[in-house]
Amino acid sequence: MLAIRLPQSIEKRLEKLARRTGRTKTFYVREAILEHLDDLEDMYLAERVLERIRSGEEQTVPIEDTLKRHGLED
């Protein structure tokens, strides 16, 4: 269970959307969180990989080598 406080303007927008569509405010809040959570997880994973690359803990492979390895070169 999670309780959040939203600005009144956001609350009103949610209420209006819920009324117009016949869905609940909870439905839309859940959908928004799930969508954004995926994006946040991807972003933080990418940042950690970038840190490892910059620190020399992880290496990169040139795109040309990857294309060649998979038979996709021009």
PDB file of N, CA and C in Angstrom:
ATOM      1  N   MET A   1       0.848  -1.179   0.000  1.00  0.00           N
ATOM      2  CA  MET A   1       0.000   0.000   0.000  1.00  0.00           C
ATOM      3  C   MET A   1       0.885   1.231   0.000  1.00  0.00           C
ATOM      4  N   LEU A   2       0.510   2.200  -0.797  1.00  0.00           N
ATOM      5  CA  LEU A   2       1.273   3.430  -0.925  1.00  0.00           C
ATOM      6  C   LEU A   2       0.306   4.601  -0.931  1.00  0.00           C
ATOM      7  N   ALA A   3       0.606   5.594  -0.146  1.00  0.00           N
ATOM      8  CA  ALA A   3      -0.218   6.814  -0.143  1.00  0.00           C
ATOM      9  C   ALA A   3       0.669   7.960  -0.593  1.00  0.00           C
ATOM     10  N   ILE A   4       0.168   8.763  -1.519  1.00  0.00           N
ATOM     11  CA  ILE A   4       0.950   9.911  -1.992  1.00  0.00           C
ATOM     12  C   ILE A   4       0.075  11.160  -1.972  1.00  0.00           C
ATOM     13  N   ARG A   5       0.733  12.276  -1.792  1.00  0.00           N
ATOM     14  CA  ARG A   5       0.041  13.558  -1.864  1.00  0.00           C
ATOM     15  C   ARG A   5       0.383  14.173  -3.221  1.00  0.00           C
ATOM     16  N   LEU A   6      -0.640  14.585  -3.908  1.00  0.00           N
ATOM     17  CA  LEU A   6      -0.456  15.210  -5.216  1.00  0.00           C
ATOM     18  C   LEU A   6      -0.923  16.653  -5.158  1.00  0.00           C
ATOM     19  N   PRO A   7      -0.329  17.500  -5.976  1.00  0.00           N
ATOM     20  CA  PRO A   7      -0.840  18.862  -6.069  1.00  0.00           C
ATOM     21  C   PRO A   7      -2.306  18.819  -6.519  1.00  0.00           C
ATOM     22  N   GLN A   8      -3.070  19.771  -6.055  1.00  0.00           N
ATOM     23  CA  GLN A   8      -4.497  19.802  -6.362  1.00  0.00           C
ATOM     24  C   GLN A   8      -4.750  19.799  -7.870  1.00  0.00           C
ATOM     25  N   SER A   9      -3.895  20.472  -8.625  1.00  0.00           N
ATOM     26  CA  SER A   9      -4.087  20.524 -10.083  1.00  0.00           C
ATOM     27  C   SER A   9      -3.970  19.128 -10.710  1.00  0.00           C
ATOM     28  N   ILE A  10      -3.052  18.328 -10.226  1.00  0.00           N
ATOM     29  CA  ILE A  10      -2.879  16.964 -10.740  1.00  0.00           C
ATOM     30  C   ILE A  10      -4.065  16.103 -10.314  1.00  0.00           C
ATOM     31  N   GLU A  11      -4.478  16.257  -9.079  1.00  0.00           N
ATOM     32  CA  GLU A  11      -5.635  15.514  -8.576  1.00  0.00           C
ATOM     33  C   GLU A  11      -6.875  15.802  -9.426  1.00  0.00           C
ATOM     34  N   LYS A  12      -7.097  17.066  -9.762  1.00  0.00           N
ATOM     35  CA  LYS A  12      -8.246  17.440 -10.582  1.00  0.00           C
ATOM     36  C   LYS A  12      -8.140  16.842 -11.980  1.00  0.00           C
ATOM     37  N   ARG A  13      -6.942  16.854 -12.547  1.00  0.00           N
ATOM     38  CA  ARG A  13      -6.755  16.252 -13.871  1.00  0.00           C
ATOM     39  C   ARG A  13      -7.060  14.758 -13.837  1.00  0.00           C
ATOM     40  N   LEU A  14      -6.605  14.092 -12.790  1.00  0.00           N
ATOM     41  CA  LEU A  14      -6.886  12.662 -12.649  1.00  0.00           C
ATOM     42  C   LEU A  14      -8.386  12.405 -12.508  1.00  0.00           C
ATOM     43  N   GLU A  15      -9.038  13.208 -11.697  1.00  0.00           N
ATOM     44  CA  GLU A  15     -10.481  13.047 -11.511  1.00  0.00           C
ATOM     45  C   GLU A  15     -11.232  13.230 -12.831  1.00  0.00           C
ATOM     46  N   LYS A  16     -10.839  14.238 -13.582  1.00  0.00           N
ATOM     47  CA  LYS A  16     -11.490  14.522 -14.860  1.00  0.00           C
ATOM     48  C   LYS A  16     -11.273  13.367 -15.843  1.00  0.00           C
ATOM     49  N   LEU A  17     -10.045  12.887 -15.915  1.00  0.00           N
ATOM     50  CA  LEU A  17      -9.735  11.765 -16.804  1.00  0.00           C
ATOM     51  C   LEU A  17     -10.513  10.515 -16.400  1.00  0.00           C
ATOM     52  N   ALA A  18     -10.558  10.246 -15.118  1.00  0.00           N
ATOM     53  CA  ALA A  18     -11.275   9.069 -14.623  1.00  0.00           C
ATOM     54  C   ALA A  18     -12.759   9.160 -14.954  1.00  0.00           C
ATOM     55  N   ARG A  19     -13.343  10.327 -14.749  1.00  0.00           N
ATOM     56  CA  ARG A  19     -14.763  10.520 -15.061  1.00  0.00           C
ATOM     57  C   ARG A  19     -15.042  10.303 -16.537  1.00  0.00           C
ATOM     58  N   ARG A  20     -14.186  10.881 -17.381  1.00  0.00           N
ATOM     59  CA  ARG A  20     -14.404  10.792 -18.832  1.00  0.00           C
ATOM     60  C   ARG A  20     -14.256   9.376 -19.371  1.00  0.00           C
ATOM     61  N   THR A  21     -13.407   8.595 -18.747  1.00  0.00           N
ATOM     62  CA  THR A  21     -13.091   7.272 -19.292  1.00  0.00           C
ATOM     63  C   THR A  21     -13.741   6.119 -18.545  1.00  0.00           C
ATOM     64  N   GLY A  22     -14.289   6.394 -17.384  1.00  0.00           N
ATOM     65  CA  GLY A  22     -14.900   5.321 -16.602  1.00  0.00           C
ATOM     66  C   GLY A  22     -13.889   4.450 -15.870  1.00  0.00           C
ATOM     67  N   ARG A  23     -12.674   4.892 -15.806  1.00  0.00           N
ATOM     68  CA  ARG A  23     -11.642   4.177 -15.051  1.00  0.00           C
ATOM     69  C   ARG A  23     -11.394   4.916 -13.750  1.00  0.00           C
ATOM     70  N   THR A  24     -10.623   4.295 -12.871  1.00  0.00           N
ATOM     71  CA  THR A  24     -10.346   4.932 -11.580  1.00  0.00           C
ATOM     72  C   THR A  24      -9.072   5.771 -11.644  1.00  0.00           C
ATOM     73  N   LYS A  25      -8.972   6.689 -10.717  1.00  0.00           N
ATOM     74  CA  LYS A  25      -7.731   7.465 -10.590  1.00  0.00           C
ATOM     75  C   LYS A  25      -6.572   6.521 -10.295  1.00  0.00           C
ATOM     76  N   THR A  26      -6.838   5.515  -9.459  1.00  0.00           N
ATOM     77  CA  THR A  26      -5.801   4.538  -9.110  1.00  0.00           C
ATOM     78  C   THR A  26      -5.258   3.841 -10.352  1.00  0.00           C
ATOM     79  N   PHE A  27      -6.141   3.508 -11.282  1.00  0.00           N
ATOM     80  CA  PHE A  27      -5.705   2.874 -12.526  1.00  0.00           C
ATOM     81  C   PHE A  27      -4.673   3.745 -13.235  1.00  0.00           C
ATOM     82  N   TYR A  28      -4.991   5.027 -13.389  1.00  0.00           N
ATOM     83  CA  TYR A  28      -4.090   5.916 -14.125  1.00  0.00           C
ATOM     84  C   TYR A  28      -2.798   6.197 -13.370  1.00  0.00           C
ATOM     85  N   VAL A  29      -2.876   6.309 -12.074  1.00  0.00           N
ATOM     86  CA  VAL A  29      -1.658   6.519 -11.287  1.00  0.00           C
ATOM     87  C   VAL A  29      -0.756   5.293 -11.406  1.00  0.00           C
ATOM     88  N   ARG A  30      -1.351   4.111 -11.299  1.00  0.00           N
ATOM     89  CA  ARG A  30      -0.572   2.871 -11.430  1.00  0.00           C
ATOM     90  C   ARG A  30       0.084   2.798 -12.814  1.00  0.00           C
ATOM     91  N   GLU A  31      -0.688   3.092 -13.866  1.00  0.00           N
ATOM     92  CA  GLU A  31      -0.148   3.053 -15.225  1.00  0.00           C
ATOM     93  C   GLU A  31       1.017   4.026 -15.389  1.00  0.00           C
ATOM     94  N   ALA A  32       0.856   5.234 -14.867  1.00  0.00           N
ATOM     95  CA  ALA A  32       1.909   6.245 -14.980  1.00  0.00           C
ATOM     96  C   ALA A  32       3.174   5.807 -14.248  1.00  0.00           C
ATOM     97  N   ILE A  33       3.002   5.254 -13.065  1.00  0.00           N
ATOM     98  CA  ILE A  33       4.170   4.804 -12.289  1.00  0.00           C
ATOM     99  C   ILE A  33       4.869   3.662 -12.996  1.00  0.00           C
ATOM    100  N   LEU A  34       4.115   2.686 -13.474  1.00  0.00           N
ATOM    101  CA  LEU A  34       4.737   1.549 -14.155  1.00  0.00           C
ATOM    102  C   LEU A  34       5.502   1.991 -15.388  1.00  0.00           C
ATOM    103  N   GLU A  35       4.917   2.879 -16.169  1.00  0.00           N
ATOM    104  CA  GLU A  35       5.586   3.370 -17.375  1.00  0.00           C
ATOM    105  C   GLU A  35       6.878   4.108 -17.016  1.00  0.00           C
ATOM    106  N   HIS A  36       6.792   4.987 -16.057  1.00  0.00           N
ATOM    107  CA  HIS A  36       7.955   5.783 -15.673  1.00  0.00           C
ATOM    108  C   HIS A  36       8.999   4.928 -14.960  1.00  0.00           C
ATOM    109  N   LEU A  37       8.559   3.962 -14.193  1.00  0.00           N
ATOM    110  CA  LEU A  37       9.482   3.082 -13.483  1.00  0.00           C
ATOM    111  C   LEU A  37      10.362   2.315 -14.466  1.00  0.00           C
ATOM    112  N   ASP A  38       9.777   1.822 -15.554  1.00  0.00           N
ATOM    113  CA  ASP A  38      10.571   1.146 -16.585  1.00  0.00           C
ATOM    114  C   ASP A  38      11.650   2.076 -17.126  1.00  0.00           C
ATOM    115  N   ASP A  39      11.263   3.315 -17.424  1.00  0.00           N
ATOM    116  CA  ASP A  39      12.224   4.293 -17.948  1.00  0.00           C
ATOM    117  C   ASP A  39      13.328   4.587 -16.934  1.00  0.00           C
ATOM    118  N   LEU A  40      12.956   4.759 -15.675  1.00  0.00           N
ATOM    119  CA  LEU A  40      13.951   5.037 -14.635  1.00  0.00           C
ATOM    120  C   LEU A  40      14.919   3.871 -14.458  1.00  0.00           C
ATOM    121  N   GLU A  41      14.394   2.657 -14.444  1.00  0.00           N
ATOM    122  CA  GLU A  41      15.273   1.489 -14.300  1.00  0.00           C
ATOM    123  C   GLU A  41      16.250   1.407 -15.458  1.00  0.00           C
ATOM    124  N   ASP A  42      15.776   1.640 -16.689  1.00  0.00           N
ATOM    125  CA  ASP A  42      16.663   1.628 -17.861  1.00  0.00           C
ATOM    126  C   ASP A  42      17.729   2.709 -17.756  1.00  0.00           C
ATOM    127  N   MET A  43      17.325   3.895 -17.322  1.00  0.00           N
ATOM    128  CA  MET A  43      18.262   5.006 -17.221  1.00  0.00           C
ATOM    129  C   MET A  43      19.360   4.724 -16.185  1.00  0.00           C
ATOM    130  N   TYR A  44      18.965   4.224 -15.014  1.00  0.00           N
ATOM    131  CA  TYR A  44      19.960   3.956 -13.981  1.00  0.00           C
ATOM    132  C   TYR A  44      20.878   2.799 -14.361  1.00  0.00           C
ATOM    133  N   LEU A  45      20.353   1.798 -15.053  1.00  0.00           N
ATOM    134  CA  LEU A  45      21.190   0.705 -15.539  1.00  0.00           C
ATOM    135  C   LEU A  45      22.213   1.240 -16.536  1.00  0.00           C
ATOM    136  N   ALA A  46      21.771   2.087 -17.457  1.00  0.00           N
ATOM    137  CA  ALA A  46      22.681   2.669 -18.447  1.00  0.00           C
ATOM    138  C   ALA A  46      23.744   3.528 -17.777  1.00  0.00           C
ATOM    139  N   GLU A  47      23.367   4.288 -16.752  1.00  0.00           N
ATOM    140  CA  GLU A  47      24.345   5.117 -16.045  1.00  0.00           C
ATOM    141  C   GLU A  47      25.390   4.269 -15.342  1.00  0.00           C
ATOM    142  N   ARG A  48      24.985   3.145 -14.752  1.00  0.00           N
ATOM    143  CA  ARG A  48      25.949   2.260 -14.078  1.00  0.00           C
ATOM    144  C   ARG A  48      26.920   1.641 -15.084  1.00  0.00           C
ATOM    145  N   VAL A  49      26.404   1.239 -16.240  1.00  0.00           N
ATOM    146  CA  VAL A  49      27.272   0.679 -17.271  1.00  0.00           C
ATOM    147  C   VAL A  49      28.250   1.746 -17.747  1.00  0.00           C
ATOM    148  N   LEU A  50      27.770   2.959 -17.966  1.00  0.00           N
ATOM    149  CA  LEU A  50      28.642   4.050 -18.404  1.00  0.00           C
ATOM    150  C   LEU A  50      29.747   4.306 -17.378  1.00  0.00           C
ATOM    151  N   GLU A  51      29.418   4.280 -16.100  1.00  0.00           N
ATOM    152  CA  GLU A  51      30.431   4.459 -15.053  1.00  0.00           C
ATOM    153  C   GLU A  51      31.486   3.354 -15.125  1.00  0.00           C
ATOM    154  N   ARG A  52      31.055   2.116 -15.356  1.00  0.00           N
ATOM    155  CA  ARG A  52      32.005   0.998 -15.448  1.00  0.00           C
ATOM    156  C   ARG A  52      32.898   1.138 -16.685  1.00  0.00           C
ATOM    157  N   ILE A  53      32.327   1.628 -17.779  1.00  0.00           N
ATOM    158  CA  ILE A  53      33.120   1.850 -18.994  1.00  0.00           C
ATOM    159  C   ILE A  53      34.152   2.936 -18.727  1.00  0.00           C
ATOM    160  N   ARG A  54      33.730   4.034 -18.137  1.00  0.00           N
ATOM    161  CA  ARG A  54      34.639   5.155 -17.870  1.00  0.00           C
ATOM    162  C   ARG A  54      35.746   4.779 -16.889  1.00  0.00           C
ATOM    163  N   SER A  55      35.436   3.875 -15.955  1.00  0.00           N
ATOM    164  CA  SER A  55      36.439   3.476 -14.968  1.00  0.00           C
ATOM    165  C   SER A  55      37.330   2.341 -15.471  1.00  0.00           C
ATOM    166  N   GLY A  56      37.040   1.826 -16.665  1.00  0.00           N
ATOM    167  CA  GLY A  56      37.852   0.754 -17.231  1.00  0.00           C
ATOM    168  C   GLY A  56      37.430  -0.637 -16.773  1.00  0.00           C
ATOM    169  N   GLU A  57      36.351  -0.744 -16.003  1.00  0.00           N
ATOM    170  CA  GLU A  57      35.872  -2.040 -15.529  1.00  0.00           C
ATOM    171  C   GLU A  57      35.156  -2.813 -16.629  1.00  0.00           C
ATOM    172  N   GLU A  58      34.698  -2.107 -17.649  1.00  0.00           N
ATOM    173  CA  GLU A  58      33.955  -2.735 -18.739  1.00  0.00           C
ATOM    174  C   GLU A  58      34.453  -2.152 -20.049  1.00  0.00           C
ATOM    175  N   GLN A  59      34.534  -2.983 -21.056  1.00  0.00           N
ATOM    176  CA  GLN A  59      35.017  -2.557 -22.372  1.00  0.00           C
ATOM    177  C   GLN A  59      33.856  -2.453 -23.355  1.00  0.00           C
ATOM    178  N   THR A  60      34.067  -1.664 -24.382  1.00  0.00           N
ATOM    179  CA  THR A  60      33.077  -1.548 -25.451  1.00  0.00           C
ATOM    180  C   THR A  60      33.601  -2.253 -26.691  1.00  0.00           C
ATOM    181  N   VAL A  61      32.709  -2.499 -27.628  1.00  0.00           N
ATOM    182  CA  VAL A  61      33.069  -3.135 -28.897  1.00  0.00           C
ATOM    183  C   VAL A  61      32.611  -2.192 -30.006  1.00  0.00           C
ATOM    184  N   PRO A  62      33.496  -1.852 -30.928  1.00  0.00           N
ATOM    185  CA  PRO A  62      33.090  -0.970 -32.029  1.00  0.00           C
ATOM    186  C   PRO A  62      31.926  -1.593 -32.816  1.00  0.00           C
ATOM    187  N   ILE A  63      31.022  -0.762 -33.295  1.00  0.00           N
ATOM    188  CA  ILE A  63      29.851  -1.247 -34.017  1.00  0.00           C
ATOM    189  C   ILE A  63      30.258  -2.032 -35.260  1.00  0.00           C
ATOM    190  N   GLU A  64      31.348  -1.616 -35.900  1.00  0.00           N
ATOM    191  CA  GLU A  64      31.808  -2.325 -37.098  1.00  0.00           C
ATOM    192  C   GLU A  64      32.141  -3.775 -36.772  1.00  0.00           C
ATOM    193  N   ASP A  65      32.795  -4.008 -35.623  1.00  0.00           N
ATOM    194  CA  ASP A  65      33.141  -5.372 -35.213  1.00  0.00           C
ATOM    195  C   ASP A  65      31.887  -6.189 -34.913  1.00  0.00           C
ATOM    196  N   THR A  66      30.926  -5.565 -34.289  1.00  0.00           N
ATOM    197  CA  THR A  66      29.679  -6.268 -33.965  1.00  0.00           C
ATOM    198  C   THR A  66      28.926  -6.636 -35.242  1.00  0.00           C
ATOM    199  N   LEU A  67      28.840  -5.706 -36.175  1.00  0.00           N
ATOM    200  CA  LEU A  67      28.166  -5.989 -37.451  1.00  0.00           C
ATOM    201  C   LEU A  67      28.882  -7.115 -38.202  1.00  0.00           C
ATOM    202  N   LYS A  68      30.192  -7.063 -38.214  1.00  0.00           N
ATOM    203  CA  LYS A  68      30.972  -8.083 -38.900  1.00  0.00           C
ATOM    204  C   LYS A  68      30.769  -9.459 -38.258  1.00  0.00           C
ATOM    205  N   ARG A  69      30.794  -9.506 -36.936  1.00  0.00           N
ATOM    206  CA  ARG A  69      30.619 -10.759 -36.205  1.00  0.00           C
ATOM    207  C   ARG A  69      29.280 -11.412 -36.514  1.00  0.00           C
ATOM    208  N   HIS A  70      28.271 -10.594 -36.766  1.00  0.00           N
ATOM    209  CA  HIS A  70      26.936 -11.126 -37.005  1.00  0.00           C
ATOM    210  C   HIS A  70      26.571 -11.137 -38.501  1.00  0.00           C
ATOM    211  N   GLY A  71      27.558 -10.919 -39.344  1.00  0.00           N
ATOM    212  CA  GLY A  71      27.335 -10.981 -40.797  1.00  0.00           C
ATOM    213  C   GLY A  71      26.446  -9.878 -41.330  1.00  0.00           C
ATOM    214  N   LEU A  72      26.513  -8.718 -40.710  1.00  0.00           N
ATOM    215  CA  LEU A  72      25.656  -7.613 -41.113  1.00  0.00           C
ATOM    216  C   LEU A  72      26.432  -6.445 -41.726  1.00  0.00           C
ATOM    217  N   GLU A  73      27.673  -6.689 -42.108  1.00  0.00           N
ATOM    218  CA  GLU A  73      28.462  -5.590 -42.662  1.00  0.00           C
ATOM    219  C   GLU A  73      28.025  -5.305 -44.093  1.00  0.00           C
ATOM    220  N   ASP A  74      28.305  -4.079 -44.535  1.00  0.00           N
ATOM    221  CA  ASP A  74      27.905  -3.667 -45.896  1.00  0.00           C
ATOM    222  C   ASP A  74      28.624  -4.460 -46.946  1.00  0.00           C
TER     223      ASP A  74
END
